[in-house]
Amino acid sequence: DVHRLLGDMHTLAMILRSRRLGRGALELSLSEVRIDLDKDGQVTGAHQEENTESHQLIEEFMLAANEAVAETFASADLQFLRRLHHAPDPRKLKSLAQFVRELGFDADSLESRFEIQSLLKSVAGEPEETAVNYAVLRSMQRAVYGPEDEGHYALASDCYCHFTSPIRRYPDLTIHRLIDLLLANKK
């Protein structure tokens, strides 16, 4: 039954999300802007993309697949390009805490990912939500690719690579090539 299968997928995705957030993953609420084009490819406007439940389901399964592939490679002692995201600079976190306090939100210290999570929950639905989410984003380090086993701070993942990236960057393609070799039992 299709409806039961969809319900099971939804339940599984929510379990994955709950586990990820329980580890301390940060979930920013930032709208994506889509450009509207006419039939000739000319820009006619722009609109905010709605983040639907379907988008969230797909995101959870993509994150789980990325972690599963990275963990498979790591357990096989393979070298691969990981998607790394280092912890934020403490000075930027102090500036972030000062900014949100000036907006009237409680933020003694934001040195823990769980404190940042709490802040994001407290601003959800408030007029300052977008400003605080962008400020949190700006306080974070940029994610990079590298072979080091250093984890992904924002996702609270110890082992992560881009296997399902919608933008096929060269590092993502190296992951696909490594999967092909692994499946073919080649070195």
N, C-alpha and C. Protein backbone atom coordinates (compact mmCIF):
# COMPACT_ATOMS: atom_id res chain seq x y z
N ASP A 1 0.85 -1.18 0.00
CA ASP A 1 0.00 0.00 0.00
C ASP A 1 0.89 1.24 0.00
N VAL A 2 0.70 2.12 -0.96
CA VAL A 2 1.53 3.31 -1.14
C VAL A 2 1.44 4.24 0.07
N HIS A 3 0.25 4.43 0.59
CA HIS A 3 0.07 5.34 1.73
C HIS A 3 0.81 4.84 2.96
N ARG A 4 0.79 3.53 3.19
CA ARG A 4 1.51 2.97 4.33
C ARG A 4 3.02 3.14 4.14
N LEU A 5 3.49 2.89 2.91
CA LEU A 5 4.92 3.06 2.61
C LEU A 5 5.35 4.50 2.84
N LEU A 6 4.56 5.46 2.37
CA LEU A 6 4.88 6.87 2.57
C LEU A 6 4.89 7.21 4.06
N GLY A 7 3.94 6.67 4.78
CA GLY A 7 3.90 6.89 6.23
C GLY A 7 5.14 6.33 6.91
N ASP A 8 5.56 5.14 6.49
CA ASP A 8 6.77 4.52 7.06
C ASP A 8 8.01 5.36 6.73
N MET A 9 8.08 5.87 5.49
CA MET A 9 9.21 6.71 5.10
C MET A 9 9.24 7.99 5.94
N HIS A 10 8.07 8.57 6.16
CA HIS A 10 7.98 9.78 6.97
C HIS A 10 8.45 9.49 8.39
N THR A 11 8.00 8.38 8.96
CA THR A 11 8.40 8.01 10.32
C THR A 11 9.91 7.81 10.40
N LEU A 12 10.47 7.10 9.42
CA LEU A 12 11.92 6.87 9.41
C LEU A 12 12.68 8.19 9.29
N ALA A 13 12.22 9.07 8.42
CA ALA A 13 12.90 10.37 8.26
C ALA A 13 12.86 11.16 9.55
N MET A 14 11.74 11.13 10.25
CA MET A 14 11.63 11.87 11.51
C MET A 14 12.51 11.26 12.59
N ILE A 15 12.69 9.94 12.57
CA ILE A 15 13.63 9.29 13.50
C ILE A 15 15.05 9.74 13.20
N LEU A 16 15.42 9.75 11.91
CA LEU A 16 16.75 10.20 11.51
C LEU A 16 16.98 11.66 11.93
N ARG A 17 15.97 12.50 11.71
CA ARG A 17 16.08 13.92 12.07
C ARG A 17 16.24 14.08 13.58
N SER A 18 15.44 13.34 14.33
CA SER A 18 15.51 13.41 15.79
C SER A 18 16.89 12.99 16.30
N ARG A 19 17.44 11.94 15.73
CA ARG A 19 18.79 11.49 16.12
C ARG A 19 19.83 12.55 15.79
N ARG A 20 19.71 13.12 14.59
CA ARG A 20 20.67 14.14 14.15
C ARG A 20 20.62 15.35 15.07
N LEU A 21 19.43 15.82 15.37
CA LEU A 21 19.29 16.96 16.27
C LEU A 21 19.74 16.60 17.69
N GLY A 22 19.51 15.35 18.09
CA GLY A 22 19.96 14.88 19.40
C GLY A 22 21.48 14.90 19.54
N ARG A 23 22.17 14.72 18.42
CA ARG A 23 23.65 14.80 18.42
C ARG A 23 24.13 16.24 18.48
N GLY A 24 23.20 17.18 18.23
CA GLY A 24 23.58 18.59 18.26
C GLY A 24 23.64 19.25 16.91
N ALA A 25 23.07 18.63 15.88
CA ALA A 25 23.09 19.24 14.55
C ALA A 25 22.33 20.56 14.57
N LEU A 26 22.82 21.50 13.80
CA LEU A 26 22.20 22.82 13.73
C LEU A 26 21.30 22.88 12.50
N GLU A 27 20.11 23.40 12.69
CA GLU A 27 19.16 23.49 11.58
C GLU A 27 18.75 24.95 11.41
N LEU A 28 19.35 25.58 10.41
CA LEU A 28 19.05 26.98 10.15
C LEU A 28 17.78 27.10 9.30
N SER A 29 17.02 28.12 9.59
CA SER A 29 15.78 28.38 8.86
C SER A 29 16.05 29.55 7.91
N LEU A 30 16.53 29.21 6.72
CA LEU A 30 16.86 30.23 5.72
C LEU A 30 16.14 29.89 4.42
N SER A 31 15.35 30.82 3.92
CA SER A 31 14.60 30.60 2.69
C SER A 31 15.54 30.64 1.50
N GLU A 32 15.27 29.74 0.56
CA GLU A 32 16.03 29.74 -0.68
C GLU A 32 15.27 30.56 -1.71
N VAL A 33 15.97 31.39 -2.44
CA VAL A 33 15.35 32.23 -3.46
C VAL A 33 15.54 31.57 -4.82
N ARG A 34 14.45 31.45 -5.56
CA ARG A 34 14.47 30.90 -6.91
C ARG A 34 14.21 32.03 -7.91
N ILE A 35 14.96 32.00 -9.00
CA ILE A 35 14.80 32.99 -10.06
C ILE A 35 13.74 32.49 -11.04
N ASP A 36 12.81 33.35 -11.39
CA ASP A 36 11.76 33.02 -12.37
C ASP A 36 12.24 33.44 -13.75
N LEU A 37 12.10 32.54 -14.72
CA LEU A 37 12.51 32.80 -16.09
C LEU A 37 11.32 32.64 -17.03
N ASP A 38 11.33 33.43 -18.11
CA ASP A 38 10.28 33.24 -19.11
C ASP A 38 10.74 32.17 -20.11
N LYS A 39 9.92 31.94 -21.16
CA LYS A 39 10.23 30.87 -22.12
C LYS A 39 11.52 31.12 -22.89
N ASP A 40 11.98 32.39 -22.91
CA ASP A 40 13.23 32.72 -23.61
C ASP A 40 14.44 32.72 -22.67
N GLY A 41 14.21 32.37 -21.41
CA GLY A 41 15.30 32.33 -20.45
C GLY A 41 15.62 33.67 -19.81
N GLN A 42 14.75 34.66 -20.00
CA GLN A 42 14.96 35.97 -19.41
C GLN A 42 14.37 36.00 -17.99
N VAL A 43 15.05 36.70 -17.10
CA VAL A 43 14.59 36.81 -15.72
C VAL A 43 13.32 37.65 -15.67
N THR A 44 12.30 37.07 -15.01
CA THR A 44 11.03 37.79 -14.87
C THR A 44 10.73 38.11 -13.42
N GLY A 45 11.51 37.58 -12.51
CA GLY A 45 11.27 37.84 -11.10
C GLY A 45 11.98 36.82 -10.23
N ALA A 46 11.57 36.80 -8.98
CA ALA A 46 12.15 35.85 -8.03
C ALA A 46 11.10 35.55 -6.96
N HIS A 47 11.23 34.40 -6.34
CA HIS A 47 10.32 34.04 -5.26
C HIS A 47 11.04 33.18 -4.24
N GLN A 48 10.51 33.17 -3.03
CA GLN A 48 11.08 32.33 -1.99
C GLN A 48 10.54 30.92 -2.16
N GLU A 49 11.45 29.96 -2.14
CA GLU A 49 11.08 28.55 -2.26
C GLU A 49 10.55 28.07 -0.92
N GLU A 50 9.42 27.40 -0.93
CA GLU A 50 8.85 26.87 0.31
C GLU A 50 9.59 25.58 0.68
N ASN A 51 9.96 25.44 1.94
CA ASN A 51 10.62 24.22 2.43
C ASN A 51 9.53 23.28 2.94
N THR A 52 9.07 22.41 2.06
CA THR A 52 7.95 21.54 2.38
C THR A 52 8.42 20.30 3.15
N GLU A 53 7.46 19.56 3.65
CA GLU A 53 7.77 18.31 4.34
C GLU A 53 8.49 17.34 3.39
N SER A 54 8.13 17.36 2.12
CA SER A 54 8.80 16.51 1.13
C SER A 54 10.28 16.86 1.03
N HIS A 55 10.58 18.17 1.02
CA HIS A 55 11.98 18.60 0.98
C HIS A 55 12.73 18.08 2.21
N GLN A 56 12.08 18.15 3.37
CA GLN A 56 12.72 17.71 4.60
C GLN A 56 12.97 16.21 4.60
N LEU A 57 12.01 15.43 4.06
CA LEU A 57 12.20 13.98 3.96
C LEU A 57 13.41 13.65 3.09
N ILE A 58 13.46 14.29 1.93
CA ILE A 58 14.57 14.05 1.01
C ILE A 58 15.89 14.43 1.65
N GLU A 59 15.91 15.57 2.33
CA GLU A 59 17.14 16.04 3.00
C GLU A 59 17.63 15.02 4.03
N GLU A 60 16.73 14.48 4.84
CA GLU A 60 17.14 13.51 5.86
C GLU A 60 17.73 12.26 5.23
N PHE A 61 17.10 11.77 4.16
CA PHE A 61 17.63 10.57 3.51
C PHE A 61 18.95 10.85 2.80
N MET A 62 19.11 12.05 2.24
CA MET A 62 20.38 12.41 1.61
C MET A 62 21.50 12.47 2.65
N LEU A 63 21.23 13.09 3.79
CA LEU A 63 22.25 13.18 4.85
C LEU A 63 22.63 11.78 5.34
N ALA A 64 21.63 10.92 5.52
CA ALA A 64 21.90 9.54 5.97
C ALA A 64 22.73 8.79 4.95
N ALA A 65 22.44 8.98 3.66
CA ALA A 65 23.21 8.31 2.61
C ALA A 65 24.65 8.81 2.60
N ASN A 66 24.83 10.13 2.74
CA ASN A 66 26.18 10.70 2.77
C ASN A 66 26.99 10.12 3.93
N GLU A 67 26.38 10.01 5.09
CA GLU A 67 27.08 9.44 6.25
C GLU A 67 27.37 7.96 6.05
N ALA A 68 26.40 7.22 5.50
CA ALA A 68 26.59 5.77 5.29
C ALA A 68 27.75 5.50 4.34
N VAL A 69 27.83 6.28 3.27
CA VAL A 69 28.93 6.10 2.31
C VAL A 69 30.27 6.43 2.98
N ALA A 70 30.32 7.54 3.70
CA ALA A 70 31.56 7.93 4.38
C ALA A 70 31.97 6.88 5.42
N GLU A 71 31.02 6.39 6.18
CA GLU A 71 31.33 5.37 7.19
C GLU A 71 31.79 4.07 6.55
N THR A 72 31.21 3.70 5.41
CA THR A 72 31.64 2.50 4.68
C THR A 72 33.08 2.65 4.23
N PHE A 73 33.42 3.81 3.67
CA PHE A 73 34.80 4.05 3.24
C PHE A 73 35.76 4.04 4.42
N ALA A 74 35.37 4.70 5.49
CA ALA A 74 36.24 4.78 6.67
C ALA A 74 36.48 3.40 7.26
N SER A 75 35.44 2.58 7.34
CA SER A 75 35.61 1.25 7.93
C SER A 75 36.44 0.34 7.03
N ALA A 76 36.51 0.66 5.74
CA ALA A 76 37.35 -0.09 4.81
C ALA A 76 38.76 0.51 4.72
N ASP A 77 39.06 1.49 5.58
CA ASP A 77 40.36 2.18 5.60
C ASP A 77 40.71 2.80 4.26
N LEU A 78 39.72 3.35 3.57
CA LEU A 78 39.96 4.01 2.30
C LEU A 78 40.18 5.50 2.52
N GLN A 79 41.04 6.08 1.71
CA GLN A 79 41.23 7.52 1.73
C GLN A 79 40.21 8.13 0.78
N PHE A 80 39.54 9.18 1.22
CA PHE A 80 38.53 9.82 0.39
C PHE A 80 38.37 11.27 0.82
N LEU A 81 37.80 12.07 -0.07
CA LEU A 81 37.56 13.47 0.24
C LEU A 81 36.27 13.59 1.03
N ARG A 82 36.40 14.12 2.22
CA ARG A 82 35.27 14.32 3.12
C ARG A 82 34.80 15.76 3.00
N ARG A 83 33.59 15.99 3.42
CA ARG A 83 33.09 17.36 3.54
C ARG A 83 33.30 17.74 4.99
N LEU A 84 34.22 18.66 5.23
CA LEU A 84 34.62 19.04 6.57
C LEU A 84 34.01 20.38 6.95
N HIS A 85 33.62 20.46 8.20
CA HIS A 85 33.09 21.72 8.71
C HIS A 85 33.60 21.87 10.13
N HIS A 86 34.56 22.77 10.30
CA HIS A 86 35.20 22.94 11.60
C HIS A 86 34.33 23.76 12.56
N ALA A 87 34.61 23.61 13.82
CA ALA A 87 33.89 24.36 14.86
C ALA A 87 34.10 25.86 14.64
N PRO A 88 33.13 26.66 15.03
CA PRO A 88 33.25 28.11 14.85
C PRO A 88 34.37 28.71 15.71
N ASP A 89 34.89 29.82 15.25
CA ASP A 89 35.89 30.58 16.00
C ASP A 89 35.21 31.14 17.25
N PRO A 90 35.79 30.92 18.44
CA PRO A 90 35.18 31.43 19.68
C PRO A 90 34.90 32.93 19.67
N ARG A 91 35.75 33.71 18.98
CA ARG A 91 35.51 35.17 18.91
C ARG A 91 34.23 35.48 18.15
N LYS A 92 33.98 34.72 17.07
CA LYS A 92 32.75 34.94 16.31
C LYS A 92 31.53 34.54 17.14
N LEU A 93 31.68 33.50 17.95
CA LEU A 93 30.57 33.09 18.80
C LEU A 93 30.28 34.13 19.87
N LYS A 94 31.33 34.79 20.39
CA LYS A 94 31.12 35.87 21.36
C LYS A 94 30.39 37.04 20.72
N SER A 95 30.76 37.37 19.49
CA SER A 95 30.07 38.45 18.76
C SER A 95 28.62 38.08 18.49
N LEU A 96 28.39 36.82 18.14
CA LEU A 96 27.03 36.34 17.91
C LEU A 96 26.20 36.46 19.19
N ALA A 97 26.78 36.03 20.32
CA ALA A 97 26.07 36.11 21.60
C ALA A 97 25.72 37.55 21.94
N GLN A 98 26.65 38.46 21.70
CA GLN A 98 26.39 39.87 21.97
C GLN A 98 25.26 40.39 21.08
N PHE A 99 25.28 40.03 19.81
CA PHE A 99 24.26 40.45 18.86
C PHE A 99 22.88 39.98 19.30
N VAL A 100 22.74 38.71 19.65
CA VAL A 100 21.41 38.20 20.01
C VAL A 100 20.95 38.74 21.37
N ARG A 101 21.88 39.01 22.26
CA ARG A 101 21.49 39.64 23.54
C ARG A 101 20.92 41.03 23.29
N GLU A 102 21.55 41.77 22.34
CA GLU A 102 21.05 43.11 22.00
C GLU A 102 19.66 43.05 21.38
N LEU A 103 19.32 41.90 20.79
CA LEU A 103 17.98 41.72 20.24
C LEU A 103 16.99 41.26 21.32
N GLY A 104 17.50 41.00 22.53
CA GLY A 104 16.62 40.62 23.63
C GLY A 104 16.52 39.13 23.89
N PHE A 105 17.41 38.33 23.30
CA PHE A 105 17.38 36.89 23.51
C PHE A 105 18.47 36.48 24.49
N ASP A 106 18.18 35.47 25.29
CA ASP A 106 19.11 34.97 26.28
C ASP A 106 20.22 34.19 25.59
N ALA A 107 21.45 34.63 25.76
CA ALA A 107 22.60 33.95 25.15
C ALA A 107 23.85 34.26 25.95
N ASP A 108 23.97 33.61 27.12
CA ASP A 108 25.17 33.83 27.94
C ASP A 108 26.41 33.38 27.20
N SER A 109 26.34 32.18 26.63
CA SER A 109 27.46 31.62 25.90
C SER A 109 26.91 30.76 24.78
N LEU A 110 27.53 30.82 23.65
CA LEU A 110 27.11 29.98 22.53
C LEU A 110 28.23 29.05 22.10
N GLU A 111 29.06 28.66 23.06
CA GLU A 111 30.21 27.82 22.73
C GLU A 111 29.83 26.37 22.49
N SER A 112 28.64 25.97 22.90
CA SER A 112 28.17 24.60 22.68
C SER A 112 27.16 24.61 21.54
N ARG A 113 27.22 23.60 20.70
CA ARG A 113 26.25 23.48 19.61
C ARG A 113 24.83 23.37 20.14
N PHE A 114 24.68 22.82 21.37
CA PHE A 114 23.35 22.70 21.96
C PHE A 114 22.81 24.06 22.39
N GLU A 115 23.71 24.96 22.79
CA GLU A 115 23.29 26.33 23.11
C GLU A 115 22.84 27.06 21.84
N ILE A 116 23.53 26.81 20.75
CA ILE A 116 23.14 27.42 19.47
C ILE A 116 21.80 26.84 19.03
N GLN A 117 21.62 25.53 19.19
CA GLN A 117 20.33 24.90 18.89
C GLN A 117 19.21 25.56 19.69
N SER A 118 19.45 25.77 20.96
CA SER A 118 18.45 26.38 21.84
C SER A 118 18.11 27.80 21.37
N LEU A 119 19.12 28.54 20.97
CA LEU A 119 18.90 29.88 20.44
C LEU A 119 18.02 29.83 19.20
N LEU A 120 18.34 28.93 18.27
CA LEU A 120 17.57 28.82 17.03
C LEU A 120 16.11 28.46 17.32
N LYS A 121 15.89 27.60 18.31
CA LYS A 121 14.51 27.26 18.69
C LYS A 121 13.80 28.47 19.29
N SER A 122 14.52 29.25 20.08
CA SER A 122 13.88 30.38 20.76
C SER A 122 13.49 31.50 19.80
N VAL A 123 14.16 31.60 18.65
CA VAL A 123 13.82 32.66 17.70
C VAL A 123 12.84 32.20 16.63
N ALA A 124 12.55 30.90 16.59
CA ALA A 124 11.64 30.37 15.56
C ALA A 124 10.29 31.07 15.65
N GLY A 125 9.85 31.59 14.52
CA GLY A 125 8.56 32.27 14.46
C GLY A 125 8.58 33.72 14.92
N GLU A 126 9.70 34.17 15.43
CA GLU A 126 9.82 35.56 15.90
C GLU A 126 10.23 36.46 14.72
N PRO A 127 9.97 37.76 14.82
CA PRO A 127 10.37 38.67 13.74
C PRO A 127 11.89 38.68 13.50
N GLU A 128 12.67 38.35 14.52
CA GLU A 128 14.14 38.37 14.41
C GLU A 128 14.71 37.06 13.87
N GLU A 129 13.85 36.09 13.56
CA GLU A 129 14.31 34.76 13.16
C GLU A 129 15.31 34.79 12.01
N THR A 130 14.98 35.49 10.94
CA THR A 130 15.87 35.52 9.77
C THR A 130 17.20 36.16 10.11
N ALA A 131 17.18 37.29 10.83
CA ALA A 131 18.42 37.97 11.19
C ALA A 131 19.31 37.08 12.05
N VAL A 132 18.72 36.40 13.01
CA VAL A 132 19.52 35.54 13.89
C VAL A 132 20.05 34.33 13.13
N ASN A 133 19.24 33.74 12.26
CA ASN A 133 19.71 32.60 11.48
C ASN A 133 20.87 32.99 10.58
N TYR A 134 20.78 34.16 9.94
CA TYR A 134 21.90 34.62 9.11
C TYR A 134 23.13 34.94 9.96
N ALA A 135 22.92 35.48 11.14
CA ALA A 135 24.05 35.77 12.03
C ALA A 135 24.73 34.48 12.48
N VAL A 136 23.94 33.46 12.76
CA VAL A 136 24.52 32.15 13.12
C VAL A 136 25.31 31.62 11.94
N LEU A 137 24.75 31.70 10.75
CA LEU A 137 25.45 31.23 9.55
C LEU A 137 26.78 31.96 9.37
N ARG A 138 26.77 33.28 9.55
CA ARG A 138 28.01 34.05 9.38
C ARG A 138 29.04 33.75 10.47
N SER A 139 28.59 33.24 11.61
CA SER A 139 29.54 32.92 12.68
C SER A 139 30.23 31.57 12.44
N MET A 140 29.69 30.79 11.54
CA MET A 140 30.24 29.46 11.27
C MET A 140 31.43 29.53 10.30
N GLN A 141 32.28 28.52 10.38
CA GLN A 141 33.36 28.37 9.40
C GLN A 141 32.74 27.92 8.08
N ARG A 142 33.45 28.11 7.01
CA ARG A 142 33.00 27.58 5.72
C ARG A 142 33.35 26.11 5.65
N ALA A 143 32.45 25.32 5.10
CA ALA A 143 32.74 23.90 4.90
C ALA A 143 33.73 23.78 3.75
N VAL A 144 34.62 22.79 3.85
CA VAL A 144 35.65 22.55 2.84
C VAL A 144 35.75 21.06 2.58
N TYR A 145 36.43 20.71 1.51
CA TYR A 145 36.73 19.32 1.23
C TYR A 145 38.14 19.02 1.69
N GLY A 146 38.36 17.82 2.20
CA GLY A 146 39.70 17.40 2.59
C GLY A 146 39.71 15.95 3.01
N PRO A 147 40.89 15.33 3.05
CA PRO A 147 40.98 13.92 3.42
C PRO A 147 41.01 13.69 4.94
N GLU A 148 41.09 14.75 5.71
CA GLU A 148 41.21 14.61 7.16
C GLU A 148 39.91 14.08 7.76
N ASP A 149 40.06 13.35 8.85
CA ASP A 149 38.92 12.78 9.57
C ASP A 149 38.55 13.72 10.70
N GLU A 150 37.93 14.86 10.36
CA GLU A 150 37.67 15.91 11.36
C GLU A 150 36.18 16.18 11.58
N GLY A 151 35.30 15.58 10.82
CA GLY A 151 33.88 15.72 11.06
C GLY A 151 33.25 16.97 10.48
N HIS A 152 31.94 17.05 10.67
CA HIS A 152 31.14 18.16 10.17
C HIS A 152 30.41 18.77 11.35
N TYR A 153 30.83 19.95 11.77
CA TYR A 153 30.30 20.59 12.98
C TYR A 153 28.79 20.82 12.90
N ALA A 154 28.34 21.49 11.86
CA ALA A 154 26.92 21.87 11.79
C ALA A 154 26.00 20.66 11.74
N LEU A 155 26.44 19.58 11.11
CA LEU A 155 25.63 18.38 11.04
C LEU A 155 25.85 17.45 12.23
N ALA A 156 26.82 17.79 13.09
CA ALA A 156 27.17 16.95 14.23
C ALA A 156 27.47 15.53 13.76
N SER A 157 28.24 15.44 12.68
CA SER A 157 28.57 14.15 12.09
C SER A 157 30.07 13.93 12.18
N ASP A 158 30.45 12.79 12.68
CA ASP A 158 31.88 12.45 12.77
C ASP A 158 32.46 12.00 11.44
N CYS A 159 31.63 11.52 10.55
CA CYS A 159 32.11 10.96 9.29
C CYS A 159 31.11 11.33 8.20
N TYR A 160 31.54 12.21 7.28
CA TYR A 160 30.60 12.75 6.30
C TYR A 160 31.32 13.02 4.98
N CYS A 161 30.65 12.71 3.89
CA CYS A 161 31.14 13.08 2.56
C CYS A 161 29.95 13.49 1.71
N HIS A 162 30.21 14.09 0.55
CA HIS A 162 29.14 14.46 -0.36
C HIS A 162 28.98 13.37 -1.40
N PHE A 163 28.01 12.53 -1.19
CA PHE A 163 27.65 11.48 -2.14
C PHE A 163 26.42 11.90 -2.93
N THR A 164 25.51 12.60 -2.30
CA THR A 164 24.24 12.96 -2.92
C THR A 164 24.16 14.44 -3.29
N SER A 165 25.28 15.12 -3.35
CA SER A 165 25.25 16.56 -3.61
C SER A 165 24.53 16.85 -4.92
N PRO A 166 23.57 17.79 -4.89
CA PRO A 166 22.88 18.13 -6.13
C PRO A 166 23.78 18.88 -7.11
N ILE A 167 24.87 19.45 -6.61
CA ILE A 167 25.84 20.11 -7.48
C ILE A 167 27.02 19.17 -7.59
N ARG A 168 27.25 18.64 -8.76
CA ARG A 168 28.33 17.67 -8.93
C ARG A 168 29.68 18.38 -9.01
N ARG A 169 30.29 18.56 -7.87
CA ARG A 169 31.64 19.11 -7.81
C ARG A 169 32.62 17.97 -8.00
N TYR A 170 33.85 18.31 -8.37
CA TYR A 170 34.84 17.25 -8.60
C TYR A 170 35.03 16.35 -7.38
N PRO A 171 35.12 16.89 -6.15
CA PRO A 171 35.26 15.99 -4.99
C PRO A 171 34.09 15.01 -4.87
N ASP A 172 32.89 15.44 -5.24
CA ASP A 172 31.73 14.54 -5.18
C ASP A 172 31.90 13.41 -6.19
N LEU A 173 32.44 13.74 -7.36
CA LEU A 173 32.65 12.72 -8.39
C LEU A 173 33.69 11.69 -7.95
N THR A 174 34.69 12.13 -7.16
CA THR A 174 35.68 11.16 -6.67
C THR A 174 35.02 10.13 -5.76
N ILE A 175 34.00 10.54 -5.02
CA ILE A 175 33.25 9.62 -4.16
C ILE A 175 32.52 8.59 -5.03
N HIS A 176 31.89 9.04 -6.10
CA HIS A 176 31.18 8.12 -6.99
C HIS A 176 32.15 7.15 -7.65
N ARG A 177 33.31 7.63 -8.03
CA ARG A 177 34.30 6.74 -8.64
C ARG A 177 34.79 5.70 -7.63
N LEU A 178 34.98 6.11 -6.41
CA LEU A 178 35.43 5.19 -5.37
C LEU A 178 34.36 4.13 -5.09
N ILE A 179 33.10 4.53 -5.10
CA ILE A 179 32.01 3.55 -4.92
C ILE A 179 32.04 2.52 -6.04
N ASP A 180 32.22 2.99 -7.29
CA ASP A 180 32.29 2.07 -8.43
C ASP A 180 33.41 1.06 -8.24
N LEU A 181 34.59 1.54 -7.81
CA LEU A 181 35.72 0.64 -7.59
C LEU A 181 35.45 -0.34 -6.46
N LEU A 182 34.87 0.15 -5.40
CA LEU A 182 34.57 -0.69 -4.24
C LEU A 182 33.57 -1.79 -4.63
N LEU A 183 32.53 -1.42 -5.36
CA LEU A 183 31.52 -2.39 -5.79
C LEU A 183 32.09 -3.42 -6.76
N ALA A 184 33.10 -3.02 -7.56
CA ALA A 184 33.73 -3.92 -8.52
C ALA A 184 34.88 -4.70 -7.89
N ASN A 185 35.07 -4.53 -6.56
CA ASN A 185 36.18 -5.19 -5.84
C ASN A 185 37.55 -4.87 -6.45
N LYS A 186 37.71 -3.62 -6.88
CA LYS A 186 38.98 -3.16 -7.44
C LYS A 186 39.66 -2.24 -6.45
N LYS A 187 40.96 -2.08 -6.58
CA LYS A 187 41.69 -1.15 -5.72
C LYS A 187 41.73 0.20 -6.36
